[in-house]
N, C-alpha and C. Protein backbone atom coordinates (compact mmCIF):
# COMPACT_ATOMS: atom_id res chain seq x y z
N MET A 1 119.90 100.11 109.43
CA MET A 1 120.02 100.25 110.86
C MET A 1 121.08 99.27 111.37
N ARG A 2 122.01 99.79 112.12
CA ARG A 2 123.12 98.95 112.60
C ARG A 2 122.65 97.90 113.59
N ARG A 3 121.83 98.27 114.56
CA ARG A 3 121.37 97.33 115.58
C ARG A 3 120.05 96.69 115.15
N LYS A 4 120.14 95.66 114.35
CA LYS A 4 118.95 94.99 113.82
C LYS A 4 118.08 94.42 114.94
N ASP A 5 118.70 94.11 116.09
CA ASP A 5 117.92 93.58 117.20
C ASP A 5 117.00 94.63 117.81
N ARG A 6 117.20 95.89 117.49
CA ARG A 6 116.36 96.97 118.01
C ARG A 6 115.41 97.53 116.96
N GLU A 7 115.54 97.07 115.74
CA GLU A 7 114.67 97.54 114.67
C GLU A 7 113.23 97.08 114.91
N MET A 8 112.31 98.01 114.73
CA MET A 8 110.90 97.73 114.93
C MET A 8 110.13 97.97 113.62
N SER A 9 108.89 97.52 113.60
CA SER A 9 108.07 97.62 112.39
C SER A 9 107.63 99.05 112.11
N ARG A 10 107.17 99.27 110.90
CA ARG A 10 106.61 100.56 110.50
C ARG A 10 105.40 100.90 111.39
N GLU A 11 104.57 99.89 111.66
CA GLU A 11 103.39 100.11 112.50
C GLU A 11 103.80 100.58 113.89
N PHE A 12 104.85 99.98 114.44
CA PHE A 12 105.36 100.39 115.75
C PHE A 12 105.81 101.86 115.69
N ALA A 13 106.55 102.21 114.64
CA ALA A 13 107.04 103.58 114.49
C ALA A 13 105.88 104.57 114.41
N LEU A 14 104.83 104.22 113.69
CA LEU A 14 103.67 105.10 113.58
C LEU A 14 102.97 105.26 114.93
N GLU A 15 102.92 104.18 115.72
CA GLU A 15 102.35 104.28 117.07
C GLU A 15 103.17 105.24 117.94
N VAL A 16 104.50 105.19 117.79
CA VAL A 16 105.35 106.12 118.55
C VAL A 16 105.05 107.55 118.12
N SER A 17 104.92 107.79 116.82
CA SER A 17 104.61 109.15 116.35
C SER A 17 103.25 109.61 116.86
N ASP A 18 102.33 108.69 116.99
CA ASP A 18 100.98 109.05 117.45
C ASP A 18 100.93 109.39 118.94
N LYS A 19 101.89 108.91 119.71
CA LYS A 19 101.82 109.18 121.15
C LYS A 19 102.90 110.12 121.67
N CYS A 20 103.88 110.49 120.84
CA CYS A 20 104.94 111.36 121.35
C CYS A 20 104.38 112.73 121.72
N GLU A 21 104.92 113.31 122.77
CA GLU A 21 104.47 114.63 123.22
C GLU A 21 104.82 115.71 122.20
N TRP A 22 105.97 115.59 121.60
CA TRP A 22 106.45 116.52 120.57
C TRP A 22 107.49 115.77 119.76
N ALA A 23 107.84 116.34 118.64
CA ALA A 23 108.83 115.74 117.75
C ALA A 23 109.85 116.81 117.37
N VAL A 24 110.98 116.38 116.84
CA VAL A 24 112.00 117.32 116.39
C VAL A 24 112.05 117.26 114.86
N LEU A 25 111.80 118.42 114.25
CA LEU A 25 111.84 118.55 112.80
C LEU A 25 113.22 119.03 112.40
N SER A 26 113.90 118.23 111.57
CA SER A 26 115.25 118.58 111.11
C SER A 26 115.21 118.93 109.63
N MET A 27 115.94 120.00 109.31
CA MET A 27 115.98 120.53 107.95
C MET A 27 117.40 120.92 107.61
N THR A 28 117.63 121.26 106.35
CA THR A 28 118.93 121.75 105.91
C THR A 28 118.72 123.03 105.14
N ASP A 29 119.44 124.09 105.53
CA ASP A 29 119.25 125.37 104.84
C ASP A 29 120.04 125.41 103.53
N ARG A 30 119.92 126.52 102.84
CA ARG A 30 120.54 126.69 101.52
C ARG A 30 122.06 126.51 101.54
N GLU A 31 122.69 126.86 102.66
CA GLU A 31 124.14 126.74 102.79
C GLU A 31 124.57 125.36 103.27
N GLY A 32 123.60 124.45 103.45
CA GLY A 32 123.92 123.10 103.90
C GLY A 32 124.01 122.97 105.40
N MET A 33 123.60 123.99 106.12
CA MET A 33 123.65 123.95 107.58
C MET A 33 122.39 123.30 108.14
N PRO A 34 122.55 122.45 109.15
CA PRO A 34 121.37 121.82 109.74
C PRO A 34 120.61 122.79 110.63
N TYR A 35 119.31 122.58 110.73
CA TYR A 35 118.46 123.37 111.61
C TYR A 35 117.36 122.43 112.10
N ALA A 36 117.12 122.41 113.40
CA ALA A 36 116.11 121.53 113.98
C ALA A 36 115.29 122.29 115.01
N VAL A 37 113.98 121.99 115.04
CA VAL A 37 113.08 122.63 116.00
C VAL A 37 112.08 121.62 116.54
N PRO A 38 111.70 121.75 117.81
CA PRO A 38 110.64 120.89 118.34
C PRO A 38 109.28 121.39 117.86
N ILE A 39 108.40 120.46 117.52
CA ILE A 39 107.06 120.82 117.06
C ILE A 39 106.04 119.84 117.65
N SER A 40 104.80 120.28 117.71
CA SER A 40 103.67 119.41 118.05
C SER A 40 103.12 118.87 116.75
N ILE A 41 102.85 117.56 116.73
CA ILE A 41 102.42 116.93 115.48
C ILE A 41 101.14 116.14 115.69
N VAL A 42 100.52 115.81 114.57
CA VAL A 42 99.44 114.84 114.54
C VAL A 42 99.51 114.13 113.19
N ARG A 43 99.23 112.84 113.21
CA ARG A 43 99.26 112.05 111.97
C ARG A 43 97.85 111.78 111.50
N ASP A 44 97.67 111.87 110.19
CA ASP A 44 96.41 111.53 109.54
C ASP A 44 96.77 110.66 108.35
N GLY A 45 96.71 109.35 108.52
CA GLY A 45 97.14 108.43 107.47
C GLY A 45 98.63 108.53 107.24
N ASP A 46 99.03 108.80 106.02
CA ASP A 46 100.45 108.91 105.67
C ASP A 46 100.94 110.36 105.65
N VAL A 47 100.22 111.24 106.34
CA VAL A 47 100.58 112.65 106.40
C VAL A 47 100.71 113.06 107.87
N ILE A 48 101.73 113.85 108.15
CA ILE A 48 101.88 114.44 109.48
C ILE A 48 101.69 115.94 109.35
N TYR A 49 100.84 116.50 110.21
CA TYR A 49 100.58 117.94 110.21
C TYR A 49 101.26 118.59 111.41
N PHE A 50 101.65 119.85 111.21
CA PHE A 50 102.10 120.69 112.33
C PHE A 50 101.72 122.13 112.04
N HIS A 51 101.56 122.90 113.10
CA HIS A 51 101.21 124.31 112.96
C HIS A 51 102.45 125.16 113.22
N THR A 52 102.43 126.38 112.71
CA THR A 52 103.60 127.23 112.81
C THR A 52 103.21 128.68 112.52
N ALA A 53 104.14 129.56 112.78
CA ALA A 53 103.96 130.94 112.30
C ALA A 53 104.06 130.91 110.77
N LYS A 54 103.66 131.98 110.13
CA LYS A 54 103.70 132.01 108.67
C LYS A 54 105.02 132.55 108.13
N ALA A 55 105.89 133.01 109.01
CA ALA A 55 107.19 133.54 108.59
C ALA A 55 108.23 133.17 109.63
N GLY A 56 109.48 133.19 109.20
CA GLY A 56 110.58 132.89 110.11
C GLY A 56 111.59 131.95 109.46
N ARG A 57 112.62 131.65 110.19
CA ARG A 57 113.71 130.82 109.66
C ARG A 57 113.22 129.44 109.21
N LYS A 58 112.39 128.80 110.02
CA LYS A 58 111.88 127.47 109.67
C LYS A 58 111.13 127.52 108.34
N ILE A 59 110.28 128.51 108.17
CA ILE A 59 109.49 128.63 106.94
C ILE A 59 110.40 128.91 105.75
N ASP A 60 111.38 129.79 105.93
CA ASP A 60 112.33 130.08 104.85
C ASP A 60 113.03 128.80 104.39
N ILE A 61 113.48 128.00 105.36
CA ILE A 61 114.19 126.77 105.02
C ILE A 61 113.26 125.78 104.34
N LEU A 62 112.06 125.61 104.86
CA LEU A 62 111.12 124.65 104.26
C LEU A 62 110.79 125.02 102.82
N LYS A 63 110.69 126.31 102.54
CA LYS A 63 110.40 126.73 101.17
C LYS A 63 111.59 126.50 100.24
N GLN A 64 112.81 126.61 100.79
CA GLN A 64 114.02 126.39 99.98
C GLN A 64 114.30 124.91 99.77
N ASN A 65 114.10 124.12 100.83
CA ASN A 65 114.43 122.69 100.78
C ASN A 65 113.39 121.93 101.60
N PRO A 66 112.36 121.41 100.96
CA PRO A 66 111.27 120.77 101.68
C PRO A 66 111.56 119.34 102.16
N GLN A 67 112.75 118.82 101.91
CA GLN A 67 113.09 117.48 102.40
C GLN A 67 113.40 117.57 103.89
N VAL A 68 112.67 116.79 104.69
CA VAL A 68 112.79 116.89 106.14
C VAL A 68 112.94 115.52 106.78
N CYS A 69 113.36 115.55 108.03
CA CYS A 69 113.44 114.36 108.85
C CYS A 69 112.80 114.71 110.19
N LEU A 70 111.92 113.84 110.67
CA LEU A 70 111.20 114.06 111.91
C LEU A 70 111.57 112.95 112.89
N VAL A 71 111.98 113.34 114.09
CA VAL A 71 112.34 112.37 115.12
C VAL A 71 111.29 112.41 116.22
N CYS A 72 110.73 111.26 116.52
CA CYS A 72 109.71 111.13 117.57
C CYS A 72 110.25 110.17 118.64
N VAL A 73 110.09 110.56 119.90
CA VAL A 73 110.52 109.70 121.00
C VAL A 73 109.29 109.36 121.82
N GLY A 74 109.08 108.07 122.03
CA GLY A 74 107.94 107.61 122.83
C GLY A 74 108.35 107.45 124.28
N ASP A 75 108.02 106.31 124.84
CA ASP A 75 108.31 106.05 126.25
C ASP A 75 109.80 105.81 126.46
N THR A 76 110.32 106.35 127.54
CA THR A 76 111.70 106.12 127.94
C THR A 76 111.74 105.79 129.43
N LYS A 77 112.76 105.05 129.82
CA LYS A 77 112.95 104.72 131.23
C LYS A 77 114.43 104.48 131.49
N ARG A 78 115.01 105.32 132.35
CA ARG A 78 116.40 105.10 132.75
C ARG A 78 116.45 103.93 133.71
N LEU A 79 117.38 103.04 133.49
CA LEU A 79 117.59 101.93 134.40
C LEU A 79 118.67 102.34 135.38
N GLU A 80 118.26 102.66 136.58
CA GLU A 80 119.18 103.25 137.56
C GLU A 80 120.28 102.29 138.00
N ASP A 81 120.05 100.98 137.87
CA ASP A 81 121.05 100.01 138.29
C ASP A 81 121.93 99.55 137.12
N GLN A 82 121.76 100.19 135.96
CA GLN A 82 122.56 99.86 134.78
C GLN A 82 122.92 101.16 134.06
N PHE A 83 123.84 101.07 133.14
CA PHE A 83 124.22 102.24 132.35
C PHE A 83 123.49 102.21 131.01
N THR A 84 122.16 102.26 131.08
CA THR A 84 121.38 102.19 129.86
C THR A 84 119.99 102.77 130.08
N THR A 85 119.27 102.95 128.98
CA THR A 85 117.91 103.47 129.00
C THR A 85 117.04 102.63 128.08
N LYS A 86 115.85 102.28 128.55
CA LYS A 86 114.86 101.67 127.67
C LYS A 86 114.21 102.81 126.90
N PHE A 87 113.95 102.61 125.62
CA PHE A 87 113.39 103.69 124.81
C PHE A 87 112.63 103.12 123.62
N GLU A 88 111.87 104.00 122.99
CA GLU A 88 111.25 103.71 121.70
C GLU A 88 111.26 105.00 120.89
N SER A 89 111.56 104.86 119.60
CA SER A 89 111.66 106.04 118.76
C SER A 89 111.22 105.73 117.33
N ALA A 90 110.95 106.80 116.62
CA ALA A 90 110.59 106.70 115.20
C ALA A 90 111.31 107.81 114.46
N ILE A 91 111.75 107.50 113.27
CA ILE A 91 112.32 108.50 112.39
C ILE A 91 111.52 108.47 111.09
N ILE A 92 111.03 109.63 110.72
CA ILE A 92 110.19 109.75 109.53
C ILE A 92 110.82 110.77 108.60
N SER A 93 111.10 110.33 107.38
CA SER A 93 111.64 111.22 106.36
C SER A 93 110.53 111.50 105.36
N GLY A 94 110.56 112.72 104.81
CA GLY A 94 109.53 113.04 103.84
C GLY A 94 109.68 114.41 103.25
N HIS A 95 108.62 114.83 102.60
CA HIS A 95 108.56 116.08 101.86
C HIS A 95 107.53 116.98 102.55
N ALA A 96 107.94 118.17 102.95
CA ALA A 96 107.04 119.12 103.62
C ALA A 96 106.44 120.08 102.60
N GLU A 97 105.18 120.40 102.81
CA GLU A 97 104.53 121.40 101.96
C GLU A 97 103.51 122.18 102.77
N GLU A 98 103.38 123.44 102.43
CA GLU A 98 102.43 124.30 103.13
C GLU A 98 101.01 123.94 102.73
N VAL A 99 100.12 123.93 103.70
CA VAL A 99 98.70 123.71 103.44
C VAL A 99 98.06 125.08 103.23
N THR A 100 97.44 125.27 102.07
CA THR A 100 96.83 126.57 101.75
C THR A 100 95.31 126.50 101.69
N ASP A 101 94.74 125.31 101.53
CA ASP A 101 93.29 125.16 101.48
C ASP A 101 92.71 125.31 102.89
N ASP A 102 91.79 126.24 103.08
CA ASP A 102 91.24 126.50 104.41
C ASP A 102 90.57 125.28 105.03
N ARG A 103 89.87 124.48 104.24
CA ARG A 103 89.22 123.29 104.80
C ARG A 103 90.25 122.31 105.36
N GLU A 104 91.34 122.11 104.61
CA GLU A 104 92.38 121.21 105.09
C GLU A 104 93.08 121.80 106.31
N LYS A 105 93.30 123.11 106.31
CA LYS A 105 93.91 123.76 107.48
C LYS A 105 93.06 123.58 108.73
N ILE A 106 91.76 123.80 108.59
CA ILE A 106 90.86 123.66 109.73
C ILE A 106 90.84 122.22 110.22
N ASN A 107 90.79 121.27 109.29
CA ASN A 107 90.82 119.85 109.69
C ASN A 107 92.12 119.53 110.43
N ALA A 108 93.25 120.01 109.92
CA ALA A 108 94.53 119.76 110.57
C ALA A 108 94.56 120.39 111.96
N LEU A 109 94.08 121.61 112.08
CA LEU A 109 94.02 122.26 113.39
C LEU A 109 93.11 121.50 114.34
N ARG A 110 91.99 121.02 113.83
CA ARG A 110 91.05 120.27 114.67
C ARG A 110 91.71 119.00 115.22
N ILE A 111 92.36 118.23 114.36
CA ILE A 111 92.95 116.98 114.87
C ILE A 111 94.18 117.24 115.73
N LEU A 112 94.90 118.33 115.44
CA LEU A 112 96.00 118.72 116.33
C LEU A 112 95.46 119.06 117.73
N CYS A 113 94.40 119.85 117.78
CA CYS A 113 93.83 120.25 119.06
C CYS A 113 93.18 119.08 119.78
N GLU A 114 92.50 118.21 119.05
CA GLU A 114 91.90 117.03 119.67
C GLU A 114 92.97 116.15 120.31
N ARG A 115 94.14 116.10 119.68
CA ARG A 115 95.21 115.29 120.24
C ARG A 115 95.90 115.96 121.43
N HIS A 116 96.21 117.25 121.30
CA HIS A 116 97.06 117.91 122.29
C HIS A 116 96.30 118.72 123.35
N THR A 117 95.08 119.19 123.03
CA THR A 117 94.31 119.98 124.00
C THR A 117 92.83 119.59 123.97
N PRO A 118 92.52 118.33 124.17
CA PRO A 118 91.13 117.88 124.02
C PRO A 118 90.15 118.56 124.98
N ALA A 119 90.58 118.95 126.15
CA ALA A 119 89.68 119.56 127.12
C ALA A 119 89.24 120.96 126.70
N ASN A 120 89.90 121.54 125.70
CA ASN A 120 89.61 122.92 125.30
C ASN A 120 88.85 122.99 123.97
N MET A 121 88.34 121.87 123.48
CA MET A 121 87.71 121.86 122.16
C MET A 121 86.45 122.72 122.08
N GLY A 122 85.84 123.05 123.21
CA GLY A 122 84.68 123.94 123.21
C GLY A 122 85.01 125.33 122.69
N GLU A 123 86.28 125.71 122.75
CA GLU A 123 86.74 127.02 122.29
C GLU A 123 87.30 126.98 120.86
N PHE A 124 87.28 125.80 120.25
CA PHE A 124 87.96 125.61 118.96
C PHE A 124 87.42 126.54 117.86
N GLU A 125 86.12 126.55 117.65
CA GLU A 125 85.54 127.33 116.54
C GLU A 125 85.89 128.81 116.66
N ASP A 126 85.80 129.35 117.86
CA ASP A 126 86.12 130.76 118.07
C ASP A 126 87.61 131.02 117.82
N ALA A 127 88.45 130.14 118.30
CA ALA A 127 89.90 130.31 118.11
C ALA A 127 90.27 130.24 116.63
N VAL A 128 89.67 129.32 115.90
CA VAL A 128 89.96 129.21 114.46
C VAL A 128 89.50 130.46 113.73
N ARG A 129 88.33 130.93 114.07
CA ARG A 129 87.80 132.15 113.43
C ARG A 129 88.76 133.33 113.62
N LYS A 130 89.35 133.43 114.80
CA LYS A 130 90.24 134.54 115.11
C LYS A 130 91.64 134.38 114.53
N SER A 131 92.11 133.15 114.37
CA SER A 131 93.54 132.97 114.05
C SER A 131 93.85 132.24 112.75
N LEU A 132 92.87 131.78 112.02
CA LEU A 132 93.14 130.97 110.83
C LEU A 132 94.04 131.70 109.82
N LYS A 133 93.80 132.96 109.60
CA LYS A 133 94.55 133.70 108.58
C LYS A 133 96.02 133.91 108.96
N VAL A 134 96.33 133.88 110.25
CA VAL A 134 97.71 134.13 110.68
C VAL A 134 98.43 132.85 111.13
N THR A 135 97.75 131.72 111.02
CA THR A 135 98.34 130.44 111.43
C THR A 135 98.78 129.66 110.21
N GLY A 136 100.02 129.21 110.23
CA GLY A 136 100.52 128.36 109.16
C GLY A 136 100.33 126.90 109.51
N ILE A 137 99.96 126.12 108.51
CA ILE A 137 99.87 124.67 108.66
C ILE A 137 100.71 124.05 107.56
N TRP A 138 101.54 123.11 107.95
CA TRP A 138 102.37 122.37 107.01
C TRP A 138 102.09 120.89 107.18
N LYS A 139 102.32 120.15 106.11
CA LYS A 139 102.18 118.70 106.19
C LYS A 139 103.44 118.05 105.64
N ILE A 140 103.73 116.92 106.20
CA ILE A 140 104.86 116.10 105.74
C ILE A 140 104.28 114.84 105.13
N ARG A 141 104.57 114.65 103.86
CA ARG A 141 104.17 113.41 103.19
C ARG A 141 105.29 112.40 103.47
N MET A 142 104.95 111.37 104.21
CA MET A 142 105.95 110.40 104.65
C MET A 142 106.48 109.57 103.48
N LYS A 143 107.81 109.46 103.43
CA LYS A 143 108.45 108.61 102.43
C LYS A 143 109.10 107.38 103.07
N GLU A 144 109.74 107.59 104.21
CA GLU A 144 110.40 106.49 104.91
C GLU A 144 110.08 106.59 106.39
N VAL A 145 109.73 105.45 106.98
CA VAL A 145 109.36 105.41 108.39
C VAL A 145 110.11 104.23 109.02
N THR A 146 110.91 104.53 110.05
CA THR A 146 111.61 103.46 110.74
C THR A 146 111.38 103.59 112.25
N GLY A 147 111.39 102.44 112.92
CA GLY A 147 111.21 102.41 114.36
C GLY A 147 112.35 101.67 115.02
N LYS A 148 112.60 102.05 116.27
CA LYS A 148 113.68 101.42 117.02
C LYS A 148 113.27 101.40 118.49
N ALA A 149 113.68 100.36 119.20
CA ALA A 149 113.36 100.28 120.63
C ALA A 149 114.36 99.40 121.35
N LYS A 150 114.57 99.75 122.59
CA LYS A 150 115.29 98.88 123.53
C LYS A 150 114.30 98.61 124.64
N LYS A 151 113.86 97.39 124.72
CA LYS A 151 112.81 97.02 125.69
C LYS A 151 113.41 96.49 126.97
């Protein structure tokens, strides 16, 4: 990291990933072209889960090249009297793999929903029963985690 004065700890970066509204998943396709998409995430230890359709460009790329980079942005604040922004971010690199075990899929969906839609958890069991077979779940096994902030 060029700006060592902005480098933050791994723990800080994980906190940013835990509170970000969404993250950007970056991948590289077979031709070497970049592709990035916003996703909703949840972390469970050293694994990050996200849900997706079971087919499409993102899935094709992940199956061809599972090496990914995830960018999470936490709190930001524009300083109106200066030409700068206070921010906090995390970059997580790792290996993505599809979750095929139904128990792990349900657990991932549960913690995703508890994080992003906690008020709707009363409908969780019915929703899972209806959509589990058509919902894709992927996990990213974290290899490198870095944090950065301008306070």
